[in-house]
């Protein structure tokens, strides 16, 4: 996990989400985006080599990550969480949306040109 400045395209937000984000972000009129400090959760994944009876669900894995982020939030502040997945990965997109994330943008890797869909959520 990392803490980083993150542009959130204003047009991707509903009015209620924009109001909530305004508590943590500054609006940049040139970019037409909010710049917020977010927790970036990277490489969240399950190990399918572990016996099914001992494996935890994806929702439980996300909850463990959120629990750790709540501890970090008390120390350094911040309340917005970002995850990414390969653009067009319908399974992960549905999983993130089912677990309270909303689509907030898109990033293209400078190193290999791969596109990622970015999702945001708020610490619960």
C-alpha atoms as a PDB file:
ATOM      1  CA  UNK A   1       0.000   0.000   0.000  1.00  0.00           C
ATOM      2  CA  UNK A   2       1.131   3.523  -0.708  1.00  0.00           C
ATOM      3  CA  UNK A   3      -0.089   7.045  -0.020  1.00  0.00           C
ATOM      4  CA  UNK A   4       0.001   9.272  -3.105  1.00  0.00           C
ATOM      5  CA  UNK A   5      -1.475  12.353  -4.763  1.00  0.00           C
ATOM      6  CA  UNK A   6      -4.146  11.275  -7.197  1.00  0.00           C
ATOM      7  CA  UNK A   7      -6.187  13.239  -9.775  1.00  0.00           C
ATOM      8  CA  UNK A   8      -9.906  12.422  -9.730  1.00  0.00           C
ATOM      9  CA  UNK A   9     -11.733  13.598 -12.846  1.00  0.00           C
ATOM     10  CA  UNK A  10     -14.643  15.809 -11.759  1.00  0.00           C
ATOM     11  CA  UNK A  11     -16.873  14.549 -14.571  1.00  0.00           C
ATOM     12  CA  UNK A  12     -16.588  10.986 -13.209  1.00  0.00           C
ATOM     13  CA  UNK A  13     -18.240  11.982  -9.911  1.00  0.00           C
ATOM     14  CA  UNK A  14     -21.837  12.322  -8.868  1.00  0.00           C
ATOM     15  CA  UNK A  15     -22.600  15.515  -6.948  1.00  0.00           C
ATOM     16  CA  UNK A  16     -22.747  13.635  -3.612  1.00  0.00           C
ATOM     17  CA  UNK A  17     -19.375  11.931  -4.225  1.00  0.00           C
ATOM     18  CA  UNK A  18     -17.850  15.252  -5.296  1.00  0.00           C
ATOM     19  CA  UNK A  19     -19.055  16.867  -2.036  1.00  0.00           C
ATOM     20  CA  UNK A  20     -17.505  14.050  -0.029  1.00  0.00           C
ATOM     21  CA  UNK A  21     -14.211  14.224  -1.945  1.00  0.00           C
ATOM     22  CA  UNK A  22     -14.078  18.019  -1.497  1.00  0.00           C
ATOM     23  CA  UNK A  23     -13.435  17.378   2.207  1.00  0.00           C
ATOM     24  CA  UNK A  24     -10.095  15.741   1.300  1.00  0.00           C
ATOM     25  CA  UNK A  25      -9.116  17.283  -2.026  1.00  0.00           C
ATOM     26  CA  UNK A  26      -8.407  20.519  -3.836  1.00  0.00           C
ATOM     27  CA  UNK A  27      -9.975  21.274  -7.198  1.00  0.00           C
ATOM     28  CA  UNK A  28      -7.534  21.981 -10.040  1.00  0.00           C
ATOM     29  CA  UNK A  29      -9.453  23.972 -12.668  1.00  0.00           C
ATOM     30  CA  UNK A  30      -6.802  23.411 -15.358  1.00  0.00           C
ATOM     31  CA  UNK A  31      -7.110  19.638 -15.048  1.00  0.00           C
ATOM     32  CA  UNK A  32     -10.822  19.787 -14.162  1.00  0.00           C
ATOM     33  CA  UNK A  33      -9.981  17.256 -11.470  1.00  0.00           C
ATOM     34  CA  UNK A  34      -9.757  17.002  -7.734  1.00  0.00           C
ATOM     35  CA  UNK A  35      -6.274  16.281  -6.424  1.00  0.00           C
ATOM     36  CA  UNK A  36      -6.538  14.051  -3.378  1.00  0.00           C
ATOM     37  CA  UNK A  37      -4.155  12.106  -1.232  1.00  0.00           C
ATOM     38  CA  UNK A  38      -5.289   8.495  -1.510  1.00  0.00           C
ATOM     39  CA  UNK A  39      -4.259   5.101  -0.238  1.00  0.00           C
ATOM     40  CA  UNK A  40      -3.257   3.068  -3.296  1.00  0.00           C
ATOM     41  CA  UNK A  41      -3.801  -0.641  -2.739  1.00  0.00           C
ATOM     42  CA  UNK A  42      -1.505  -2.492  -5.119  1.00  0.00           C
ATOM     43  CA  UNK A  43      -1.334  -6.164  -6.011  1.00  0.00           C
ATOM     44  CA  UNK A  44      -4.290  -7.288  -3.945  1.00  0.00           C
ATOM     45  CA  UNK A  45      -4.771 -10.920  -4.845  1.00  0.00           C
ATOM     46  CA  UNK A  46      -5.719 -14.350  -3.644  1.00  0.00           C
ATOM     47  CA  UNK A  47      -3.501 -17.416  -3.575  1.00  0.00           C
ATOM     48  CA  UNK A  48      -5.511 -20.224  -5.200  1.00  0.00           C
ATOM     49  CA  UNK A  49      -2.791 -22.744  -4.319  1.00  0.00           C
ATOM     50  CA  UNK A  50      -4.081 -22.637  -0.718  1.00  0.00           C
ATOM     51  CA  UNK A  51      -6.634 -25.318   0.168  1.00  0.00           C
ATOM     52  CA  UNK A  52     -10.195 -24.045  -0.445  1.00  0.00           C
ATOM     53  CA  UNK A  53     -11.183 -24.591   3.198  1.00  0.00           C
ATOM     54  CA  UNK A  54      -8.417 -22.255   4.394  1.00  0.00           C
ATOM     55  CA  UNK A  55      -8.807 -19.644   1.633  1.00  0.00           C
ATOM     56  CA  UNK A  56     -10.584 -16.373   2.478  1.00  0.00           C
ATOM     57  CA  UNK A  57     -13.037 -14.544   0.234  1.00  0.00           C
ATOM     58  CA  UNK A  58     -12.106 -11.492  -1.800  1.00  0.00           C
ATOM     59  CA  UNK A  59     -14.478  -9.381   0.324  1.00  0.00           C
ATOM     60  CA  UNK A  60     -12.709 -10.574   3.493  1.00  0.00           C
ATOM     61  CA  UNK A  61      -9.337  -9.749   1.918  1.00  0.00           C
ATOM     62  CA  UNK A  62     -10.554  -6.225   1.092  1.00  0.00           C
ATOM     63  CA  UNK A  63     -11.847  -5.834   4.651  1.00  0.00           C
ATOM     64  CA  UNK A  64      -8.428  -6.803   6.046  1.00  0.00           C
ATOM     65  CA  UNK A  65      -6.833  -4.148   3.826  1.00  0.00           C
ATOM     66  CA  UNK A  66      -9.400  -1.548   4.981  1.00  0.00           C
ATOM     67  CA  UNK A  67      -8.743  -2.456   8.632  1.00  0.00           C
ATOM     68  CA  UNK A  68      -5.021  -1.787   8.131  1.00  0.00           C
ATOM     69  CA  UNK A  69      -5.766   1.447   6.297  1.00  0.00           C
ATOM     70  CA  UNK A  70      -7.945   2.653   9.187  1.00  0.00           C
ATOM     71  CA  UNK A  71      -4.916   2.305  11.471  1.00  0.00           C
ATOM     72  CA  UNK A  72      -2.777   4.250   8.987  1.00  0.00           C
ATOM     73  CA  UNK A  73      -5.512   6.878   8.595  1.00  0.00           C
ATOM     74  CA  UNK A  74      -5.336   7.635  12.322  1.00  0.00           C
ATOM     75  CA  UNK A  75      -1.593   8.245  11.995  1.00  0.00           C
ATOM     76  CA  UNK A  76      -1.303  10.126   8.702  1.00  0.00           C
ATOM     77  CA  UNK A  77      -4.827  11.114   7.680  1.00  0.00           C
ATOM     78  CA  UNK A  78      -6.688  10.374   4.490  1.00  0.00           C
ATOM     79  CA  UNK A  79      -9.855   8.487   3.857  1.00  0.00           C
ATOM     80  CA  UNK A  80      -9.908   7.673   0.136  1.00  0.00           C
ATOM     81  CA  UNK A  81      -8.787   4.259  -1.154  1.00  0.00           C
ATOM     82  CA  UNK A  82      -7.795   3.523  -4.761  1.00  0.00           C
ATOM     83  CA  UNK A  83      -7.511   0.177  -6.544  1.00  0.00           C
ATOM     84  CA  UNK A  84      -6.810  -0.533 -10.204  1.00  0.00           C
ATOM     85  CA  UNK A  85      -7.456  -3.391 -12.560  1.00  0.00           C
ATOM     86  CA  UNK A  86      -6.646  -4.081 -16.180  1.00  0.00           C
ATOM     87  CA  UNK A  87      -9.119  -2.238 -18.356  1.00  0.00           C
ATOM     88  CA  UNK A  88     -11.927  -4.537 -19.473  1.00  0.00           C
ATOM     89  CA  UNK A  89     -11.467  -7.080 -16.654  1.00  0.00           C
ATOM     90  CA  UNK A  90     -15.210  -7.524 -16.070  1.00  0.00           C
ATOM     91  CA  UNK A  91     -14.759  -9.935 -13.143  1.00  0.00           C
ATOM     92  CA  UNK A  92     -12.605  -7.529 -11.124  1.00  0.00           C
ATOM     93  CA  UNK A  93     -14.684  -4.509 -12.136  1.00  0.00           C
ATOM     94  CA  UNK A  94     -17.849  -6.219 -10.854  1.00  0.00           C
ATOM     95  CA  UNK A  95     -16.037  -7.337  -7.685  1.00  0.00           C
ATOM     96  CA  UNK A  96     -14.841  -3.819  -6.863  1.00  0.00           C
ATOM     97  CA  UNK A  97     -18.252  -2.282  -7.563  1.00  0.00           C
ATOM     98  CA  UNK A  98     -19.976  -4.944  -5.448  1.00  0.00           C
ATOM     99  CA  UNK A  99     -17.607  -4.035  -2.604  1.00  0.00           C
ATOM    100  CA  UNK A 100     -18.377  -0.309  -2.626  1.00  0.00           C
ATOM    101  CA  UNK A 101     -15.841   1.086  -5.112  1.00  0.00           C
ATOM    102  CA  UNK A 102     -16.839   3.414  -7.952  1.00  0.00           C
ATOM    103  CA  UNK A 103     -15.113   3.950 -11.287  1.00  0.00           C
ATOM    104  CA  UNK A 104     -13.075   7.164 -11.097  1.00  0.00           C
ATOM    105  CA  UNK A 105     -10.680   7.173 -13.995  1.00  0.00           C
ATOM    106  CA  UNK A 106      -8.209   5.473 -16.229  1.00  0.00           C
ATOM    107  CA  UNK A 107      -4.422   5.244 -16.279  1.00  0.00           C
ATOM    108  CA  UNK A 108      -2.111   4.134 -19.062  1.00  0.00           C
ATOM    109  CA  UNK A 109       1.260   2.743 -18.010  1.00  0.00           C
ATOM    110  CA  UNK A 110       4.134   4.765 -19.400  1.00  0.00           C
ATOM    111  CA  UNK A 111       6.384   1.693 -19.457  1.00  0.00           C
ATOM    112  CA  UNK A 112       4.247  -0.701 -21.509  1.00  0.00           C
ATOM    113  CA  UNK A 113       1.136   1.225 -22.610  1.00  0.00           C
ATOM    114  CA  UNK A 114      -1.201  -1.068 -20.648  1.00  0.00           C
ATOM    115  CA  UNK A 115      -4.499   0.593 -19.606  1.00  0.00           C
ATOM    116  CA  UNK A 116      -5.929   0.333 -16.086  1.00  0.00           C
ATOM    117  CA  UNK A 117      -9.348   1.287 -14.743  1.00  0.00           C
ATOM    118  CA  UNK A 118      -9.139   3.130 -11.424  1.00  0.00           C
ATOM    119  CA  UNK A 119     -11.695   2.683  -8.663  1.00  0.00           C
ATOM    120  CA  UNK A 120     -12.142   4.668  -5.453  1.00  0.00           C
ATOM    121  CA  UNK A 121     -13.864   4.034  -2.152  1.00  0.00           C
ATOM    122  CA  UNK A 122     -13.939   5.659   1.271  1.00  0.00           C
ATOM    123  CA  UNK A 123     -12.738   4.032   4.481  1.00  0.00           C
ATOM    124  CA  UNK A 124     -15.769   2.659   6.267  1.00  0.00           C
END
